[in-house]
Amino acid sequence: MRALLTVLAAALSIGNAFAVDLTVRVTDGAGAGVENAIVTFTPTAAVTTPIRFDWPYQVAQQNLQFAPYILIVPVGATVRFPNLDRVRHHVYSFSEGSRFELELFGRDESRSHRFMQAGVAAVGCNIHDQMQAYIVIVDTPYVGRTDASGSVLISGASGAGALRVWHPDLRARGGAMNRAVTLPASGPAQQSFTVQLRAGGHAH
């Protein structure tokens, strides 16, 4: 028993030795933090373990808005679209790789769609033009969303890979900035991005 505990402790220490706490800060041209930017680290080595997140894979229609405004899901996830409004909705996306259409459905009804390709799906309602949301489909477990200060902590990553920042109002091709990085084998690491946002962006 003691030998088993020793082996487990050694395994845990090895795992921790190769885990990095990566802090990424995203700011605009004036130095203000950018909230709701999605930051991903995709290691050069393929991710072999299943990717799962602990939040619901759903975008509800409520008060003539989508909630949440931005949802992160892994490739292969099925997302539910429950209608909590008293009116019908017609949910769709024309985004490349994530096209779908969920025709008219009413209150307390739900539809779903499975997302099979990494990318961003811009979601709208064919009846209510003001409704907009984004589903970010990722093929890496190392992902997070910036807080009001523009910062996000991503734990567990290490080694070489691609760091990506996406925001719906970011003025760049695909709304994203990419950077090749090599993270240390252990300990803290920091990266920062300065981005330009389109004027009159969404207040979420």
N, C-alpha and C. Protein backbone atom coordinates (compact mmCIF):
# COMPACT_ATOMS: atom_id res chain seq x y z
N MET A 1 0.83 -1.21 0.00
CA MET A 1 0.00 0.00 0.00
C MET A 1 0.87 1.25 0.00
N ARG A 2 1.92 1.23 0.87
CA ARG A 2 2.81 2.38 0.94
C ARG A 2 3.52 2.60 -0.39
N ALA A 3 3.90 1.49 -1.04
CA ALA A 3 4.57 1.61 -2.34
C ALA A 3 3.63 2.22 -3.37
N LEU A 4 2.35 1.83 -3.33
CA LEU A 4 1.37 2.37 -4.27
C LEU A 4 1.20 3.87 -4.08
N LEU A 5 1.11 4.29 -2.81
CA LEU A 5 0.97 5.72 -2.52
C LEU A 5 2.19 6.49 -3.00
N THR A 6 3.37 5.88 -2.86
CA THR A 6 4.60 6.54 -3.32
C THR A 6 4.58 6.73 -4.82
N VAL A 7 4.13 5.71 -5.55
CA VAL A 7 4.04 5.80 -7.00
C VAL A 7 3.04 6.87 -7.41
N LEU A 8 1.89 6.91 -6.74
CA LEU A 8 0.88 7.92 -7.07
C LEU A 8 1.41 9.32 -6.79
N ALA A 9 2.08 9.49 -5.68
CA ALA A 9 2.63 10.81 -5.36
C ALA A 9 3.66 11.23 -6.39
N ALA A 10 4.49 10.29 -6.82
CA ALA A 10 5.48 10.61 -7.84
C ALA A 10 4.82 10.99 -9.15
N ALA A 11 3.76 10.27 -9.50
CA ALA A 11 3.05 10.57 -10.75
C ALA A 11 2.44 11.97 -10.70
N LEU A 12 1.86 12.31 -9.54
CA LEU A 12 1.26 13.64 -9.40
C LEU A 12 2.32 14.72 -9.47
N SER A 13 3.48 14.48 -8.87
CA SER A 13 4.53 15.50 -8.90
C SER A 13 5.06 15.67 -10.30
N ILE A 14 5.16 14.59 -11.07
CA ILE A 14 5.59 14.69 -12.46
C ILE A 14 4.58 15.48 -13.26
N GLY A 15 3.27 15.19 -13.05
CA GLY A 15 2.24 15.92 -13.78
C GLY A 15 2.30 17.39 -13.48
N ASN A 16 2.48 17.75 -12.19
CA ASN A 16 2.55 19.15 -11.82
C ASN A 16 3.80 19.82 -12.37
N ALA A 17 4.89 19.04 -12.50
CA ALA A 17 6.14 19.61 -12.99
C ALA A 17 6.01 20.06 -14.44
N PHE A 18 5.10 19.45 -15.17
CA PHE A 18 4.94 19.80 -16.57
C PHE A 18 3.65 20.58 -16.82
N ALA A 19 3.15 21.24 -15.78
CA ALA A 19 1.95 22.07 -15.91
C ALA A 19 2.32 23.53 -15.73
N VAL A 20 1.80 24.37 -16.60
CA VAL A 20 2.10 25.80 -16.57
C VAL A 20 0.82 26.57 -16.30
N ASP A 21 0.92 27.59 -15.47
CA ASP A 21 -0.16 28.54 -15.31
C ASP A 21 0.12 29.72 -16.23
N LEU A 22 -0.61 29.76 -17.34
CA LEU A 22 -0.41 30.79 -18.35
C LEU A 22 -1.42 31.91 -18.16
N THR A 23 -0.94 33.11 -17.89
CA THR A 23 -1.80 34.28 -17.80
C THR A 23 -1.69 35.08 -19.08
N VAL A 24 -2.82 35.34 -19.70
CA VAL A 24 -2.86 36.13 -20.94
C VAL A 24 -3.69 37.38 -20.68
N ARG A 25 -3.15 38.53 -21.06
CA ARG A 25 -3.89 39.78 -20.92
C ARG A 25 -4.10 40.38 -22.30
N VAL A 26 -5.35 40.77 -22.55
CA VAL A 26 -5.74 41.36 -23.83
C VAL A 26 -6.20 42.79 -23.57
N THR A 27 -5.57 43.76 -24.24
CA THR A 27 -5.91 45.16 -24.06
C THR A 27 -6.17 45.81 -25.41
N ASP A 28 -6.91 46.93 -25.38
CA ASP A 28 -7.13 47.69 -26.61
C ASP A 28 -6.04 48.74 -26.77
N GLY A 29 -6.17 49.56 -27.80
CA GLY A 29 -5.13 50.55 -28.08
C GLY A 29 -4.93 51.56 -26.99
N ALA A 30 -5.95 51.77 -26.15
CA ALA A 30 -5.85 52.72 -25.05
C ALA A 30 -5.34 52.07 -23.77
N GLY A 31 -5.07 50.77 -23.83
CA GLY A 31 -4.57 50.07 -22.65
C GLY A 31 -5.64 49.50 -21.76
N ALA A 32 -6.90 49.63 -22.15
CA ALA A 32 -8.00 49.08 -21.34
C ALA A 32 -8.16 47.59 -21.60
N GLY A 33 -8.53 46.85 -20.57
CA GLY A 33 -8.75 45.42 -20.72
C GLY A 33 -9.92 45.11 -21.62
N VAL A 34 -9.78 44.07 -22.43
CA VAL A 34 -10.84 43.63 -23.34
C VAL A 34 -11.52 42.41 -22.73
N GLU A 35 -12.79 42.57 -22.38
CA GLU A 35 -13.55 41.48 -21.78
C GLU A 35 -14.13 40.57 -22.85
N ASN A 36 -14.33 39.31 -22.51
CA ASN A 36 -14.98 38.32 -23.37
C ASN A 36 -14.16 37.96 -24.61
N ALA A 37 -12.85 38.15 -24.54
CA ALA A 37 -11.99 37.60 -25.59
C ALA A 37 -11.74 36.13 -25.27
N ILE A 38 -11.79 35.30 -26.29
CA ILE A 38 -11.56 33.86 -26.12
C ILE A 38 -10.11 33.56 -26.47
N VAL A 39 -9.38 32.99 -25.52
CA VAL A 39 -7.96 32.69 -25.69
C VAL A 39 -7.78 31.18 -25.70
N THR A 40 -7.10 30.68 -26.73
CA THR A 40 -6.83 29.24 -26.82
C THR A 40 -5.34 29.01 -27.01
N PHE A 41 -4.86 27.94 -26.42
CA PHE A 41 -3.51 27.45 -26.68
C PHE A 41 -3.65 26.06 -27.28
N THR A 42 -3.17 25.90 -28.51
CA THR A 42 -3.23 24.61 -29.19
C THR A 42 -1.82 24.05 -29.30
N PRO A 43 -1.49 23.01 -28.55
CA PRO A 43 -0.13 22.48 -28.58
C PRO A 43 0.20 21.86 -29.93
N THR A 44 1.48 21.93 -30.28
CA THR A 44 1.92 21.31 -31.53
C THR A 44 1.67 19.81 -31.50
N ALA A 45 1.94 19.19 -30.36
CA ALA A 45 1.64 17.76 -30.19
C ALA A 45 0.13 17.58 -30.10
N ALA A 46 -0.36 16.57 -30.79
CA ALA A 46 -1.80 16.34 -30.85
C ALA A 46 -2.37 16.05 -29.46
N VAL A 47 -3.56 16.58 -29.22
CA VAL A 47 -4.28 16.30 -27.97
C VAL A 47 -4.99 14.96 -28.13
N THR A 48 -4.65 14.00 -27.28
CA THR A 48 -5.18 12.64 -27.43
C THR A 48 -6.31 12.33 -26.46
N THR A 49 -6.45 13.10 -25.40
CA THR A 49 -7.51 12.84 -24.43
C THR A 49 -8.79 13.56 -24.85
N PRO A 50 -9.95 12.99 -24.51
CA PRO A 50 -11.22 13.65 -24.84
C PRO A 50 -11.31 15.03 -24.20
N ILE A 51 -11.89 15.97 -24.92
CA ILE A 51 -12.03 17.34 -24.42
C ILE A 51 -13.45 17.53 -23.93
N ARG A 52 -13.58 17.92 -22.67
CA ARG A 52 -14.90 18.16 -22.08
C ARG A 52 -14.83 19.42 -21.22
N PHE A 53 -15.91 20.15 -21.20
CA PHE A 53 -16.02 21.32 -20.33
C PHE A 53 -17.20 21.13 -19.40
N ASP A 54 -17.17 21.82 -18.26
CA ASP A 54 -18.17 21.55 -17.22
C ASP A 54 -19.35 22.52 -17.25
N TRP A 55 -19.55 23.24 -18.35
CA TRP A 55 -20.73 24.10 -18.46
C TRP A 55 -21.71 23.51 -19.47
N PRO A 56 -22.97 23.91 -19.43
CA PRO A 56 -23.96 23.35 -20.36
C PRO A 56 -23.65 23.75 -21.80
N TYR A 57 -23.82 22.80 -22.70
CA TYR A 57 -23.66 23.09 -24.12
C TYR A 57 -25.03 23.51 -24.66
N GLN A 58 -25.41 24.73 -24.35
CA GLN A 58 -26.70 25.20 -24.83
C GLN A 58 -26.68 26.72 -25.00
N VAL A 59 -27.50 27.17 -25.96
CA VAL A 59 -27.73 28.59 -26.21
C VAL A 59 -29.24 28.79 -26.19
N ALA A 60 -29.73 29.38 -25.11
CA ALA A 60 -31.17 29.58 -24.96
C ALA A 60 -31.62 30.85 -25.66
N GLN A 61 -32.88 30.87 -26.05
CA GLN A 61 -33.51 32.09 -26.55
C GLN A 61 -34.43 32.59 -25.44
N GLN A 62 -34.09 33.76 -24.91
CA GLN A 62 -34.83 34.30 -23.77
C GLN A 62 -34.83 35.82 -23.85
N ASN A 63 -36.04 36.40 -23.70
CA ASN A 63 -36.20 37.85 -23.80
C ASN A 63 -35.66 38.39 -25.12
N LEU A 64 -35.89 37.62 -26.18
CA LEU A 64 -35.48 37.98 -27.54
C LEU A 64 -33.97 38.20 -27.63
N GLN A 65 -33.23 37.42 -26.86
CA GLN A 65 -31.77 37.42 -26.92
C GLN A 65 -31.29 35.99 -26.79
N PHE A 66 -30.06 35.75 -27.27
CA PHE A 66 -29.42 34.47 -27.04
C PHE A 66 -28.63 34.54 -25.72
N ALA A 67 -28.64 33.45 -24.99
CA ALA A 67 -27.88 33.38 -23.74
C ALA A 67 -27.27 31.98 -23.61
N PRO A 68 -25.94 31.92 -23.51
CA PRO A 68 -25.00 33.03 -23.42
C PRO A 68 -24.71 33.65 -24.79
N TYR A 69 -24.10 34.81 -24.75
CA TYR A 69 -23.71 35.50 -25.98
C TYR A 69 -22.57 34.76 -26.67
N ILE A 70 -21.63 34.23 -25.89
CA ILE A 70 -20.52 33.44 -26.43
C ILE A 70 -20.46 32.11 -25.68
N LEU A 71 -20.46 31.02 -26.42
CA LEU A 71 -20.37 29.68 -25.84
C LEU A 71 -19.15 28.97 -26.41
N ILE A 72 -18.38 28.32 -25.55
CA ILE A 72 -17.22 27.53 -25.97
C ILE A 72 -17.58 26.06 -25.84
N VAL A 73 -17.35 25.30 -26.93
CA VAL A 73 -17.61 23.86 -26.91
C VAL A 73 -16.48 23.14 -27.64
N PRO A 74 -16.26 21.85 -27.34
CA PRO A 74 -15.27 21.08 -28.08
C PRO A 74 -15.84 20.57 -29.40
N VAL A 75 -14.94 20.29 -30.32
CA VAL A 75 -15.36 19.67 -31.58
C VAL A 75 -16.13 18.39 -31.28
N GLY A 76 -17.24 18.20 -31.97
CA GLY A 76 -18.08 17.03 -31.76
C GLY A 76 -19.21 17.23 -30.77
N ALA A 77 -19.26 18.40 -30.14
CA ALA A 77 -20.30 18.67 -29.14
C ALA A 77 -21.64 18.92 -29.81
N THR A 78 -22.70 18.46 -29.16
CA THR A 78 -24.06 18.76 -29.58
C THR A 78 -24.58 19.89 -28.70
N VAL A 79 -25.01 20.97 -29.34
CA VAL A 79 -25.50 22.15 -28.61
C VAL A 79 -27.01 22.21 -28.72
N ARG A 80 -27.66 22.41 -27.57
CA ARG A 80 -29.11 22.57 -27.52
C ARG A 80 -29.47 24.04 -27.65
N PHE A 81 -30.64 24.29 -28.27
CA PHE A 81 -31.15 25.64 -28.45
C PHE A 81 -32.59 25.70 -27.92
N PRO A 82 -32.77 25.73 -26.60
CA PRO A 82 -34.12 25.78 -26.04
C PRO A 82 -34.74 27.17 -26.22
N ASN A 83 -36.02 27.18 -26.56
CA ASN A 83 -36.76 28.44 -26.71
C ASN A 83 -37.53 28.70 -25.42
N LEU A 84 -37.16 29.75 -24.70
CA LEU A 84 -37.83 30.13 -23.46
C LEU A 84 -38.72 31.35 -23.65
N ASP A 85 -38.85 31.81 -24.89
CA ASP A 85 -39.70 32.96 -25.20
C ASP A 85 -41.12 32.52 -25.55
N ARG A 86 -42.01 33.50 -25.60
CA ARG A 86 -43.40 33.23 -25.97
C ARG A 86 -43.60 33.26 -27.48
N VAL A 87 -42.57 33.62 -28.20
CA VAL A 87 -42.65 33.70 -29.65
C VAL A 87 -41.77 32.61 -30.26
N ARG A 88 -41.97 32.37 -31.54
CA ARG A 88 -41.18 31.36 -32.22
C ARG A 88 -39.86 31.96 -32.72
N HIS A 89 -38.87 31.09 -32.85
CA HIS A 89 -37.57 31.51 -33.37
C HIS A 89 -37.15 30.59 -34.51
N HIS A 90 -36.28 31.12 -35.34
CA HIS A 90 -35.72 30.40 -36.48
C HIS A 90 -34.21 30.61 -36.42
N VAL A 91 -33.50 29.68 -35.81
CA VAL A 91 -32.09 29.84 -35.50
C VAL A 91 -31.24 29.29 -36.64
N TYR A 92 -30.17 30.01 -36.96
CA TYR A 92 -29.34 29.58 -38.09
C TYR A 92 -27.91 30.09 -37.93
N SER A 93 -27.01 29.52 -38.73
CA SER A 93 -25.66 30.04 -38.90
C SER A 93 -25.23 29.76 -40.32
N PHE A 94 -24.61 30.76 -40.94
CA PHE A 94 -24.06 30.61 -42.28
C PHE A 94 -22.53 30.54 -42.25
N SER A 95 -21.96 30.37 -41.07
CA SER A 95 -20.51 30.35 -40.92
C SER A 95 -19.92 29.10 -41.58
N GLU A 96 -18.80 29.29 -42.26
CA GLU A 96 -18.16 28.19 -42.97
C GLU A 96 -17.78 27.07 -41.99
N GLY A 97 -18.15 25.86 -42.34
CA GLY A 97 -17.86 24.71 -41.49
C GLY A 97 -18.87 24.46 -40.40
N SER A 98 -19.78 25.42 -40.19
CA SER A 98 -20.76 25.26 -39.10
C SER A 98 -22.15 25.70 -39.54
N ARG A 99 -22.46 25.53 -40.80
CA ARG A 99 -23.77 25.95 -41.30
C ARG A 99 -24.87 25.04 -40.76
N PHE A 100 -25.94 25.66 -40.30
CA PHE A 100 -27.10 24.89 -39.88
C PHE A 100 -28.31 25.80 -39.89
N GLU A 101 -29.48 25.18 -39.84
CA GLU A 101 -30.73 25.93 -39.80
C GLU A 101 -31.75 25.15 -38.99
N LEU A 102 -32.28 25.79 -37.97
CA LEU A 102 -33.31 25.19 -37.11
C LEU A 102 -34.58 25.99 -37.32
N GLU A 103 -35.46 25.47 -38.14
CA GLU A 103 -36.63 26.25 -38.55
C GLU A 103 -37.60 26.42 -37.39
N LEU A 104 -38.62 27.21 -37.63
CA LEU A 104 -39.51 27.72 -36.58
C LEU A 104 -39.85 26.71 -35.48
N PHE A 105 -39.57 27.11 -34.24
CA PHE A 105 -39.99 26.32 -33.09
C PHE A 105 -40.36 27.26 -31.96
N GLY A 106 -41.34 26.84 -31.15
CA GLY A 106 -41.96 27.73 -30.19
C GLY A 106 -41.51 27.53 -28.76
N ARG A 107 -42.28 28.13 -27.86
CA ARG A 107 -41.94 28.14 -26.44
C ARG A 107 -41.85 26.72 -25.87
N ASP A 108 -40.84 26.51 -25.05
CA ASP A 108 -40.59 25.23 -24.38
C ASP A 108 -40.23 24.12 -25.36
N GLU A 109 -39.95 24.48 -26.60
CA GLU A 109 -39.41 23.52 -27.56
C GLU A 109 -37.90 23.73 -27.66
N SER A 110 -37.21 22.71 -28.11
CA SER A 110 -35.76 22.79 -28.22
C SER A 110 -35.30 22.08 -29.48
N ARG A 111 -34.26 22.60 -30.07
CA ARG A 111 -33.61 21.96 -31.21
C ARG A 111 -32.13 21.82 -30.87
N SER A 112 -31.42 21.03 -31.65
CA SER A 112 -30.00 20.83 -31.37
C SER A 112 -29.22 20.68 -32.67
N HIS A 113 -27.91 20.91 -32.56
CA HIS A 113 -27.02 20.76 -33.71
C HIS A 113 -25.66 20.31 -33.20
N ARG A 114 -25.02 19.42 -33.95
CA ARG A 114 -23.69 18.94 -33.59
C ARG A 114 -22.64 19.66 -34.42
N PHE A 115 -21.60 20.15 -33.75
CA PHE A 115 -20.55 20.93 -34.40
C PHE A 115 -19.30 20.05 -34.56
N MET A 116 -18.90 19.83 -35.81
CA MET A 116 -17.87 18.85 -36.12
C MET A 116 -16.56 19.47 -36.59
N GLN A 117 -16.47 20.79 -36.64
CA GLN A 117 -15.26 21.44 -37.15
C GLN A 117 -14.90 22.62 -36.27
N ALA A 118 -13.60 22.73 -35.94
CA ALA A 118 -13.15 23.85 -35.13
C ALA A 118 -13.36 25.16 -35.88
N GLY A 119 -13.72 26.20 -35.13
CA GLY A 119 -13.96 27.50 -35.73
C GLY A 119 -14.95 28.28 -34.90
N VAL A 120 -15.54 29.29 -35.52
CA VAL A 120 -16.53 30.13 -34.85
C VAL A 120 -17.80 30.15 -35.67
N ALA A 121 -18.92 29.85 -35.03
CA ALA A 121 -20.23 29.90 -35.67
C ALA A 121 -20.95 31.15 -35.17
N ALA A 122 -21.21 32.08 -36.09
CA ALA A 122 -22.03 33.24 -35.77
C ALA A 122 -23.49 32.83 -35.90
N VAL A 123 -24.25 32.97 -34.83
CA VAL A 123 -25.63 32.47 -34.77
C VAL A 123 -26.60 33.64 -34.77
N GLY A 124 -27.67 33.51 -35.55
CA GLY A 124 -28.69 34.54 -35.59
C GLY A 124 -30.08 33.93 -35.61
N CYS A 125 -31.07 34.81 -35.57
CA CYS A 125 -32.48 34.41 -35.69
C CYS A 125 -33.03 35.05 -36.95
N ASN A 126 -33.66 34.25 -37.78
CA ASN A 126 -34.17 34.73 -39.06
C ASN A 126 -35.38 35.64 -38.90
N ILE A 127 -35.94 35.71 -37.69
CA ILE A 127 -37.11 36.55 -37.44
C ILE A 127 -36.73 37.81 -36.67
N HIS A 128 -35.82 37.67 -35.71
CA HIS A 128 -35.44 38.78 -34.84
C HIS A 128 -33.98 39.13 -35.11
N ASP A 129 -33.77 40.15 -35.93
CA ASP A 129 -32.42 40.47 -36.40
C ASP A 129 -31.48 40.89 -35.28
N GLN A 130 -32.02 41.40 -34.18
CA GLN A 130 -31.15 41.87 -33.10
C GLN A 130 -30.51 40.73 -32.32
N MET A 131 -31.01 39.51 -32.50
CA MET A 131 -30.48 38.37 -31.76
C MET A 131 -29.19 37.88 -32.42
N GLN A 132 -28.14 37.79 -31.62
CA GLN A 132 -26.85 37.34 -32.14
C GLN A 132 -26.07 36.64 -31.04
N ALA A 133 -25.38 35.58 -31.41
CA ALA A 133 -24.52 34.86 -30.48
C ALA A 133 -23.39 34.22 -31.27
N TYR A 134 -22.41 33.73 -30.53
CA TYR A 134 -21.26 33.08 -31.15
C TYR A 134 -20.96 31.78 -30.41
N ILE A 135 -20.70 30.74 -31.19
CA ILE A 135 -20.27 29.46 -30.62
C ILE A 135 -18.85 29.22 -31.10
N VAL A 136 -17.93 29.13 -30.15
CA VAL A 136 -16.52 28.91 -30.45
C VAL A 136 -16.23 27.42 -30.27
N ILE A 137 -15.91 26.75 -31.37
CA ILE A 137 -15.68 25.30 -31.35
C ILE A 137 -14.18 25.07 -31.35
N VAL A 138 -13.68 24.36 -30.34
CA VAL A 138 -12.23 24.24 -30.17
C VAL A 138 -11.80 22.78 -30.18
N ASP A 139 -10.53 22.57 -30.56
CA ASP A 139 -9.95 21.23 -30.54
C ASP A 139 -8.79 21.15 -29.55
N THR A 140 -8.89 21.96 -28.49
CA THR A 140 -7.90 21.97 -27.43
C THR A 140 -8.60 22.19 -26.09
N PRO A 141 -8.08 21.58 -25.02
CA PRO A 141 -8.69 21.82 -23.70
C PRO A 141 -8.21 23.11 -23.06
N TYR A 142 -7.20 23.74 -23.67
CA TYR A 142 -6.59 24.93 -23.06
C TYR A 142 -7.25 26.19 -23.62
N VAL A 143 -8.30 26.61 -22.96
CA VAL A 143 -9.11 27.72 -23.46
C VAL A 143 -9.70 28.47 -22.28
N GLY A 144 -9.90 29.76 -22.47
CA GLY A 144 -10.52 30.57 -21.43
C GLY A 144 -11.05 31.86 -22.00
N ARG A 145 -11.80 32.57 -21.16
CA ARG A 145 -12.43 33.83 -21.55
C ARG A 145 -11.91 34.94 -20.64
N THR A 146 -11.54 36.07 -21.21
CA THR A 146 -11.00 37.15 -20.41
C THR A 146 -12.08 37.79 -19.55
N ASP A 147 -11.65 38.25 -18.37
CA ASP A 147 -12.56 38.94 -17.45
C ASP A 147 -12.59 40.43 -17.76
N ALA A 148 -13.18 41.22 -16.87
CA ALA A 148 -13.34 42.66 -17.12
C ALA A 148 -12.00 43.37 -17.22
N SER A 149 -10.95 42.80 -16.62
CA SER A 149 -9.63 43.42 -16.70
C SER A 149 -8.87 43.00 -17.96
N GLY A 150 -9.46 42.09 -18.74
CA GLY A 150 -8.80 41.60 -19.95
C GLY A 150 -7.88 40.43 -19.71
N SER A 151 -7.95 39.81 -18.53
CA SER A 151 -7.04 38.73 -18.18
C SER A 151 -7.74 37.39 -18.12
N VAL A 152 -6.98 36.34 -18.41
CA VAL A 152 -7.49 34.98 -18.28
C VAL A 152 -6.33 34.08 -17.87
N LEU A 153 -6.62 33.09 -17.04
CA LEU A 153 -5.62 32.11 -16.60
C LEU A 153 -5.94 30.77 -17.24
N ILE A 154 -4.95 30.21 -17.94
CA ILE A 154 -5.09 28.90 -18.57
C ILE A 154 -4.06 27.98 -17.94
N SER A 155 -4.53 26.90 -17.33
CA SER A 155 -3.64 26.00 -16.59
C SER A 155 -3.44 24.69 -17.33
N GLY A 156 -2.25 24.11 -17.14
CA GLY A 156 -1.99 22.76 -17.62
C GLY A 156 -1.27 22.66 -18.93
N ALA A 157 -1.07 23.77 -19.63
CA ALA A 157 -0.42 23.72 -20.94
C ALA A 157 1.09 23.81 -20.79
N SER A 158 1.82 23.33 -21.78
CA SER A 158 3.28 23.47 -21.81
C SER A 158 3.77 23.15 -23.21
N GLY A 159 5.01 23.55 -23.49
CA GLY A 159 5.63 23.23 -24.76
C GLY A 159 5.25 24.19 -25.88
N ALA A 160 5.56 23.77 -27.10
CA ALA A 160 5.33 24.60 -28.27
C ALA A 160 3.89 24.51 -28.72
N GLY A 161 3.39 25.61 -29.28
CA GLY A 161 2.02 25.60 -29.78
C GLY A 161 1.62 26.96 -30.30
N ALA A 162 0.34 27.09 -30.60
CA ALA A 162 -0.21 28.33 -31.15
C ALA A 162 -1.15 28.96 -30.13
N LEU A 163 -0.92 30.23 -29.85
CA LEU A 163 -1.78 30.99 -28.95
C LEU A 163 -2.67 31.88 -29.82
N ARG A 164 -3.97 31.85 -29.54
CA ARG A 164 -4.93 32.54 -30.39
C ARG A 164 -5.88 33.35 -29.53
N VAL A 165 -6.15 34.57 -29.96
CA VAL A 165 -7.12 35.44 -29.30
C VAL A 165 -8.21 35.77 -30.30
N TRP A 166 -9.45 35.52 -29.91
CA TRP A 166 -10.60 35.83 -30.77
C TRP A 166 -11.58 36.69 -29.98
N HIS A 167 -12.18 37.65 -30.69
CA HIS A 167 -13.23 38.48 -30.11
C HIS A 167 -14.14 38.90 -31.27
N PRO A 168 -15.46 38.95 -31.05
CA PRO A 168 -16.36 39.26 -32.17
C PRO A 168 -16.13 40.63 -32.79
N ASP A 169 -15.53 41.56 -32.04
CA ASP A 169 -15.30 42.91 -32.56
C ASP A 169 -13.85 43.18 -32.91
N LEU A 170 -13.02 42.16 -32.89
CA LEU A 170 -11.60 42.35 -33.18
C LEU A 170 -11.39 42.62 -34.66
N ARG A 171 -10.63 43.68 -34.94
CA ARG A 171 -10.37 44.07 -36.33
C ARG A 171 -9.18 43.28 -36.87
N ALA A 172 -9.45 42.09 -37.33
CA ALA A 172 -8.43 41.22 -37.92
C ALA A 172 -9.16 40.14 -38.71
N ARG A 173 -8.44 39.50 -39.58
CA ARG A 173 -9.04 38.44 -40.39
C ARG A 173 -9.58 37.34 -39.48
N GLY A 174 -10.86 37.05 -39.64
CA GLY A 174 -11.48 36.03 -38.81
C GLY A 174 -11.70 36.46 -37.37
N GLY A 175 -11.48 37.75 -37.08
CA GLY A 175 -11.66 38.23 -35.72
C GLY A 175 -10.65 37.68 -34.74
N ALA A 176 -9.46 37.28 -35.25
CA ALA A 176 -8.50 36.60 -34.38
C ALA A 176 -7.08 37.05 -34.64
N MET A 177 -6.25 36.93 -33.61
CA MET A 177 -4.81 37.11 -33.71
C MET A 177 -4.14 35.82 -33.25
N ASN A 178 -3.08 35.44 -33.96
CA ASN A 178 -2.39 34.19 -33.67
C ASN A 178 -0.91 34.45 -33.40
N ARG A 179 -0.34 33.64 -32.53
CA ARG A 179 1.08 33.79 -32.20
C ARG A 179 1.65 32.42 -31.86
N ALA A 180 2.80 32.11 -32.43
CA ALA A 180 3.52 30.89 -32.07
C ALA A 180 4.27 31.13 -30.77
N VAL A 181 4.12 30.24 -29.81
CA VAL A 181 4.79 30.39 -28.51
C VAL A 181 5.37 29.05 -28.08
N THR A 182 6.34 29.13 -27.21
CA THR A 182 6.86 27.94 -26.53
C THR A 182 6.79 28.21 -25.04
N LEU A 183 5.94 27.47 -24.36
CA LEU A 183 5.75 27.66 -22.93
C LEU A 183 6.78 26.85 -22.16
N PRO A 184 7.17 27.32 -20.97
CA PRO A 184 8.12 26.56 -20.16
C PRO A 184 7.50 25.25 -19.68
N ALA A 185 8.35 24.38 -19.18
CA ALA A 185 7.87 23.07 -18.72
C ALA A 185 7.09 23.17 -17.42
N SER A 186 7.33 24.23 -16.65
CA SER A 186 6.62 24.39 -15.39
C SER A 186 6.66 25.85 -14.97
N GLY A 187 5.86 26.15 -13.94
CA GLY A 187 5.85 27.49 -13.39
C GLY A 187 4.92 28.43 -14.14
N PRO A 188 4.90 29.70 -13.76
CA PRO A 188 4.02 30.67 -14.40
C PRO A 188 4.59 31.18 -15.72
N ALA A 189 3.70 31.60 -16.60
CA ALA A 189 4.09 32.22 -17.87
C ALA A 189 3.08 33.32 -18.18
N GLN A 190 3.52 34.31 -18.93
CA GLN A 190 2.66 35.43 -19.27
C GLN A 190 2.78 35.77 -20.74
N GLN A 191 1.65 36.15 -21.32
CA GLN A 191 1.60 36.64 -22.69
C GLN A 191 0.63 37.81 -22.71
N SER A 192 0.84 38.74 -23.62
CA SER A 192 -0.08 39.87 -23.74
C SER A 192 -0.34 40.17 -25.21
N PHE A 193 -1.54 40.65 -25.48
CA PHE A 193 -1.96 41.04 -26.83
C PHE A 193 -2.56 42.44 -26.76
N THR A 194 -2.22 43.27 -27.73
CA THR A 194 -2.89 44.55 -27.92
C THR A 194 -3.70 44.46 -29.20
N VAL A 195 -5.00 44.69 -29.11
CA VAL A 195 -5.89 44.48 -30.24
C VAL A 195 -6.63 45.77 -30.57
N GLN A 196 -7.14 45.84 -31.78
CA GLN A 196 -8.01 46.93 -32.21
C GLN A 196 -9.42 46.38 -32.36
N LEU A 197 -10.38 47.07 -31.76
CA LEU A 197 -11.77 46.66 -31.82
C LEU A 197 -12.56 47.60 -32.71
N ARG A 198 -13.55 47.05 -33.38
CA ARG A 198 -14.44 47.88 -34.20
C ARG A 198 -15.27 48.79 -33.31
N ALA A 199 -15.47 50.01 -33.75
CA ALA A 199 -16.30 50.95 -33.00
C ALA A 199 -17.75 50.48 -33.01
N GLY A 200 -18.45 50.75 -31.91
CA GLY A 200 -19.86 50.37 -31.85
C GLY A 200 -20.09 48.90 -31.72
N GLY A 201 -19.15 48.19 -31.09
CA GLY A 201 -19.30 46.75 -30.92
C GLY A 201 -20.40 46.41 -29.94
N HIS A 202 -20.62 45.12 -29.77
CA HIS A 202 -21.71 44.64 -28.92
C HIS A 202 -21.35 44.81 -27.45
N ALA A 203 -22.27 45.28 -26.68
CA ALA A 203 -22.07 45.45 -25.24
C ALA A 203 -22.59 44.22 -24.51
N HIS A 204 -21.72 43.25 -24.25
CA HIS A 204 -22.09 42.03 -23.54
C HIS A 204 -21.07 41.77 -22.47
